[in-house]
N, C-alpha and C. Protein backbone atom coordinates (compact mmCIF):
# COMPACT_ATOMS: atom_id res chain seq x y z
N MET A 1 -45.46 84.36 65.84
CA MET A 1 -44.31 84.02 65.23
C MET A 1 -45.21 82.47 63.96
N LEU A 2 -46.54 82.42 64.29
CA LEU A 2 -47.15 81.35 63.68
C LEU A 2 -47.36 82.15 62.52
N LEU A 3 -47.26 83.46 62.06
CA LEU A 3 -47.88 84.21 60.94
C LEU A 3 -46.36 84.45 59.75
N ILE A 4 -45.10 84.40 61.08
CA ILE A 4 -44.09 84.09 59.77
C ILE A 4 -43.88 82.91 59.53
N ILE A 5 -44.17 81.55 60.02
CA ILE A 5 -43.92 80.16 59.65
C ILE A 5 -44.76 80.29 58.62
N LEU A 6 -46.12 81.00 58.42
CA LEU A 6 -46.87 80.64 57.59
C LEU A 6 -46.30 81.12 56.26
N ILE A 7 -45.97 82.44 56.23
CA ILE A 7 -45.55 83.23 55.11
C ILE A 7 -44.00 82.47 54.55
N SER A 8 -43.27 81.90 55.30
CA SER A 8 -41.99 81.38 54.91
C SER A 8 -42.66 80.20 54.59
N SER A 9 -43.42 79.34 54.73
CA SER A 9 -44.20 78.12 54.11
C SER A 9 -44.66 77.85 52.75
N TYR A 10 -45.77 79.70 52.65
CA TYR A 10 -45.92 80.21 51.46
C TYR A 10 -44.68 79.77 50.49
N ASP A 11 -44.41 81.26 50.87
CA ASP A 11 -43.49 81.59 49.60
C ASP A 11 -41.98 80.36 49.46
N SER A 12 -41.75 79.57 50.04
CA SER A 12 -41.27 78.06 49.54
C SER A 12 -41.96 77.31 48.71
N SER A 13 -43.26 76.91 48.63
CA SER A 13 -43.69 76.48 48.11
C SER A 13 -44.29 76.79 46.58
N MET A 14 -44.04 78.23 47.07
CA MET A 14 -44.56 78.86 45.44
C MET A 14 -42.89 79.11 44.72
N SER A 15 -41.97 78.76 45.19
CA SER A 15 -40.80 79.02 44.07
C SER A 15 -41.11 78.28 43.39
N SER A 16 -40.23 78.14 42.09
CA SER A 16 -40.37 76.56 41.19
C SER A 16 -38.80 77.20 40.69
N ASP A 17 -38.12 75.94 40.37
CA ASP A 17 -37.04 75.72 39.61
C ASP A 17 -37.09 76.12 37.96
N PRO A 18 -36.97 76.95 37.47
CA PRO A 18 -37.06 77.88 36.17
C PRO A 18 -36.35 76.73 35.46
N THR A 19 -35.57 75.83 35.69
CA THR A 19 -34.84 75.28 34.47
C THR A 19 -35.83 74.12 33.80
N ILE A 20 -35.02 73.75 32.68
CA ILE A 20 -35.98 72.22 32.11
C ILE A 20 -34.48 71.65 31.76
N SER A 21 -35.05 70.35 31.88
CA SER A 21 -34.30 69.52 31.09
C SER A 21 -34.23 69.58 29.09
N PHE A 22 -32.78 69.85 29.24
CA PHE A 22 -33.01 69.41 27.50
C PHE A 22 -33.71 68.59 26.75
N ALA A 23 -33.96 67.49 27.38
CA ALA A 23 -34.64 66.77 26.41
C ALA A 23 -36.27 67.15 26.59
N ASP A 24 -36.34 67.93 27.41
CA ASP A 24 -37.98 68.87 27.40
C ASP A 24 -38.09 69.60 26.08
N LEU A 25 -37.00 69.82 24.98
CA LEU A 25 -37.30 70.99 24.05
C LEU A 25 -37.47 70.41 22.83
N HIS A 26 -38.23 71.64 22.39
CA HIS A 26 -39.07 70.89 21.06
C HIS A 26 -38.60 72.31 20.15
N ARG A 27 -38.64 71.78 18.90
CA ARG A 27 -38.45 72.08 17.32
C ARG A 27 -38.59 74.39 17.68
N GLY A 28 -37.76 74.58 17.48
CA GLY A 28 -37.66 76.09 17.34
C GLY A 28 -37.93 76.78 18.85
N ASP A 29 -37.44 75.27 19.82
CA ASP A 29 -37.41 76.30 21.52
C ASP A 29 -35.90 77.68 21.24
N ARG A 30 -36.21 77.91 22.13
CA ARG A 30 -34.88 79.36 22.17
C ARG A 30 -34.29 79.08 23.59
N ALA A 31 -33.28 78.56 24.11
CA ALA A 31 -32.83 78.20 25.41
C ALA A 31 -31.43 78.58 25.59
N GLU A 32 -31.07 78.52 27.00
CA GLU A 32 -29.94 78.87 27.50
C GLU A 32 -29.40 78.16 28.27
N VAL A 33 -28.27 77.44 28.00
CA VAL A 33 -27.43 76.59 28.92
C VAL A 33 -27.37 77.30 30.70
N VAL A 34 -27.83 76.42 31.24
CA VAL A 34 -27.86 76.66 33.14
C VAL A 34 -26.35 75.61 33.25
N GLY A 35 -26.83 74.55 33.43
CA GLY A 35 -25.78 74.07 33.92
C GLY A 35 -25.40 72.56 33.23
N PHE A 36 -25.15 71.60 34.26
CA PHE A 36 -24.76 70.19 33.93
C PHE A 36 -25.59 69.69 35.27
N GLY A 37 -26.35 68.49 35.05
CA GLY A 37 -26.57 67.67 36.11
C GLY A 37 -25.67 65.99 36.08
N GLY A 38 -26.28 65.39 36.42
CA GLY A 38 -25.61 64.37 36.69
C GLY A 38 -25.02 63.64 35.41
N MET A 39 -24.11 64.04 34.73
CA MET A 39 -23.68 63.51 33.37
C MET A 39 -22.51 63.21 33.59
N ALA A 40 -21.83 62.04 33.12
CA ALA A 40 -20.30 61.83 32.84
C ALA A 40 -19.26 62.69 32.33
N GLU A 41 -18.88 62.77 32.91
CA GLU A 41 -17.67 64.01 33.16
C GLU A 41 -16.98 64.39 31.38
N HIS A 42 -16.54 62.91 31.40
CA HIS A 42 -16.05 63.00 29.87
C HIS A 42 -17.08 63.54 28.83
N TYR A 43 -18.58 63.33 29.08
CA TYR A 43 -19.53 64.11 28.27
C TYR A 43 -19.21 65.37 28.43
N ARG A 44 -19.15 65.58 30.00
CA ARG A 44 -19.49 67.32 30.02
C ARG A 44 -18.69 67.78 29.09
N ASN A 45 -17.32 67.46 29.70
CA ASN A 45 -16.32 68.31 29.12
C ASN A 45 -16.14 68.44 27.55
N ARG A 46 -16.74 66.82 26.96
CA ARG A 46 -16.77 67.19 25.43
C ARG A 46 -17.72 68.24 25.06
N LEU A 47 -19.23 68.65 25.76
CA LEU A 47 -19.85 69.34 25.49
C LEU A 47 -19.06 71.13 25.79
N LEU A 48 -18.56 70.95 26.89
CA LEU A 48 -18.22 72.74 27.01
C LEU A 48 -16.50 72.69 25.95
N SER A 49 -15.80 71.44 25.66
CA SER A 49 -15.30 72.32 24.40
C SER A 49 -15.33 71.96 23.34
N MET A 50 -17.15 71.97 23.04
CA MET A 50 -17.69 72.30 21.70
C MET A 50 -18.60 73.64 21.60
N GLY A 51 -18.21 74.17 23.18
CA GLY A 51 -18.68 75.82 23.46
C GLY A 51 -20.08 75.67 23.84
N LEU A 52 -20.25 74.28 24.35
CA LEU A 52 -22.02 74.84 25.17
C LEU A 52 -21.65 74.99 26.49
N THR A 53 -21.05 75.98 26.78
CA THR A 53 -20.81 76.87 27.97
C THR A 53 -22.10 77.28 29.06
N PRO A 54 -21.75 77.01 30.03
CA PRO A 54 -23.32 77.71 30.78
C PRO A 54 -23.37 79.19 30.44
N GLY A 55 -24.63 79.74 29.86
CA GLY A 55 -24.56 81.35 30.02
C GLY A 55 -24.67 81.18 28.02
N THR A 56 -24.12 80.02 27.08
CA THR A 56 -24.22 80.29 25.66
C THR A 56 -26.43 79.97 25.50
N ALA A 57 -26.86 80.40 24.76
CA ALA A 57 -27.82 80.74 23.81
C ALA A 57 -27.70 80.00 22.76
N PHE A 58 -28.90 78.75 22.79
CA PHE A 58 -28.87 78.07 21.58
C PHE A 58 -30.42 77.79 21.00
N LEU A 59 -30.68 77.47 19.64
CA LEU A 59 -31.79 76.92 19.10
C LEU A 59 -32.49 75.83 18.52
N VAL A 60 -33.09 74.93 19.00
CA VAL A 60 -33.50 73.52 18.72
C VAL A 60 -33.63 74.11 17.39
N GLU A 61 -33.08 73.48 16.26
CA GLU A 61 -33.25 73.36 14.96
C GLU A 61 -34.24 72.13 14.19
N ARG A 62 -33.92 71.39 14.93
CA ARG A 62 -35.09 69.69 14.15
C ARG A 62 -34.29 68.58 14.98
N PRO A 63 -34.90 67.67 15.47
CA PRO A 63 -34.96 66.56 15.50
C PRO A 63 -34.42 66.01 14.34
N ALA A 64 -33.82 64.72 14.26
CA ALA A 64 -34.02 63.62 13.26
C ALA A 64 -35.53 62.67 12.60
N PRO A 65 -35.56 62.41 11.88
CA PRO A 65 -36.55 61.51 11.71
C PRO A 65 -37.36 61.00 12.41
N LEU A 66 -36.19 59.88 13.20
CA LEU A 66 -36.51 59.37 13.98
C LEU A 66 -36.75 59.88 15.77
N GLY A 67 -36.34 61.05 15.75
CA GLY A 67 -36.31 61.83 17.16
C GLY A 67 -35.26 62.21 17.74
N ASP A 68 -33.94 61.02 17.24
CA ASP A 68 -33.01 61.39 17.97
C ASP A 68 -31.42 61.57 17.09
N PRO A 69 -30.69 61.75 16.71
CA PRO A 69 -30.28 63.01 17.58
C PRO A 69 -30.68 64.65 17.37
N ILE A 70 -31.41 65.34 18.24
CA ILE A 70 -31.49 66.62 17.85
C ILE A 70 -30.25 67.67 17.51
N GLU A 71 -30.85 68.53 16.44
CA GLU A 71 -29.47 69.05 15.91
C GLU A 71 -29.83 70.79 16.73
N ILE A 72 -29.03 71.12 16.82
CA ILE A 72 -29.17 72.73 17.97
C ILE A 72 -27.96 73.81 17.26
N ARG A 73 -28.46 75.12 17.14
CA ARG A 73 -27.91 75.57 16.44
C ARG A 73 -27.15 76.62 17.34
N LEU A 74 -25.75 76.66 17.62
CA LEU A 74 -25.18 78.07 18.83
C LEU A 74 -24.16 78.24 18.29
N ARG A 75 -23.20 79.77 18.25
CA ARG A 75 -22.16 80.36 17.99
C ARG A 75 -21.85 80.14 16.83
N GLY A 76 -22.63 80.51 15.66
CA GLY A 76 -22.52 80.24 14.11
C GLY A 76 -22.40 78.96 13.48
N PHE A 77 -22.70 77.94 14.37
CA PHE A 77 -22.13 76.50 13.95
C PHE A 77 -23.75 74.99 14.00
N ARG A 78 -23.94 74.04 13.91
CA ARG A 78 -24.88 73.58 13.94
C ARG A 78 -24.44 71.74 15.00
N MET A 79 -24.80 71.61 16.03
CA MET A 79 -24.52 70.36 16.97
C MET A 79 -25.39 69.80 16.76
N SER A 80 -25.24 68.40 16.68
CA SER A 80 -26.33 67.38 17.24
C SER A 80 -26.12 66.73 18.51
N LEU A 81 -27.31 66.43 18.90
CA LEU A 81 -26.65 65.67 20.64
C LEU A 81 -27.96 64.97 20.64
N ARG A 82 -27.32 63.62 21.26
CA ARG A 82 -28.16 62.38 21.60
C ARG A 82 -29.22 63.21 22.56
N ARG A 83 -30.77 62.97 22.65
CA ARG A 83 -31.36 63.40 23.96
C ARG A 83 -31.02 62.78 25.14
N ASP A 84 -31.13 61.42 25.13
CA ASP A 84 -30.69 60.40 26.42
C ASP A 84 -29.02 60.79 27.08
N GLU A 85 -28.25 61.42 26.00
CA GLU A 85 -27.23 61.79 26.64
C GLU A 85 -27.04 63.27 27.49
N ALA A 86 -27.94 63.74 26.56
CA ALA A 86 -27.76 65.99 26.87
C ALA A 86 -29.07 65.77 28.24
N SER A 87 -29.78 64.71 28.53
CA SER A 87 -30.76 64.95 28.76
C SER A 87 -30.32 65.91 30.73
N ALA A 88 -29.48 65.39 31.12
CA ALA A 88 -29.10 65.63 32.61
C ALA A 88 -28.56 67.16 32.20
N LEU A 89 -28.41 67.97 30.90
CA LEU A 89 -28.06 69.12 30.86
C LEU A 89 -29.38 70.27 31.19
N ARG A 90 -29.04 71.43 32.18
CA ARG A 90 -30.13 71.92 32.70
C ARG A 90 -30.17 73.58 31.64
N VAL A 91 -31.46 73.68 30.86
CA VAL A 91 -31.61 74.80 30.58
C VAL A 91 -32.30 75.76 31.21
N LYS A 92 -32.95 77.46 29.79
CA LYS A 92 -33.57 77.75 30.50
C LYS A 92 -34.24 78.61 29.12
N LEU A 93 -35.68 78.50 29.40
CA LEU A 93 -36.57 78.65 27.89
C LEU A 93 -36.23 80.16 27.74
N LEU A 94 -35.86 81.05 27.06
CA LEU A 94 -35.56 82.46 26.54
C LEU A 94 -37.32 83.01 25.77
């Protein structure tokens, strides 16, 4: 019984969340949308309506000269997102 508890504890500590925040991305990173964290519903709906849906891959093109907003390329067009508003967007690096 003790061995099982130790293994179970070891496995849970080894698992990590493979997703990161949109704010952690850098120029040239390729990522895929995994989900939406605690962002305002109206902003989430706007991103969804513009095609930024779960499973969508995108490329971080470039930040603006002062670092915000950030331009991404997805589905054949470019979109600019403010870093602080999109920071709740959860993505997975590709």
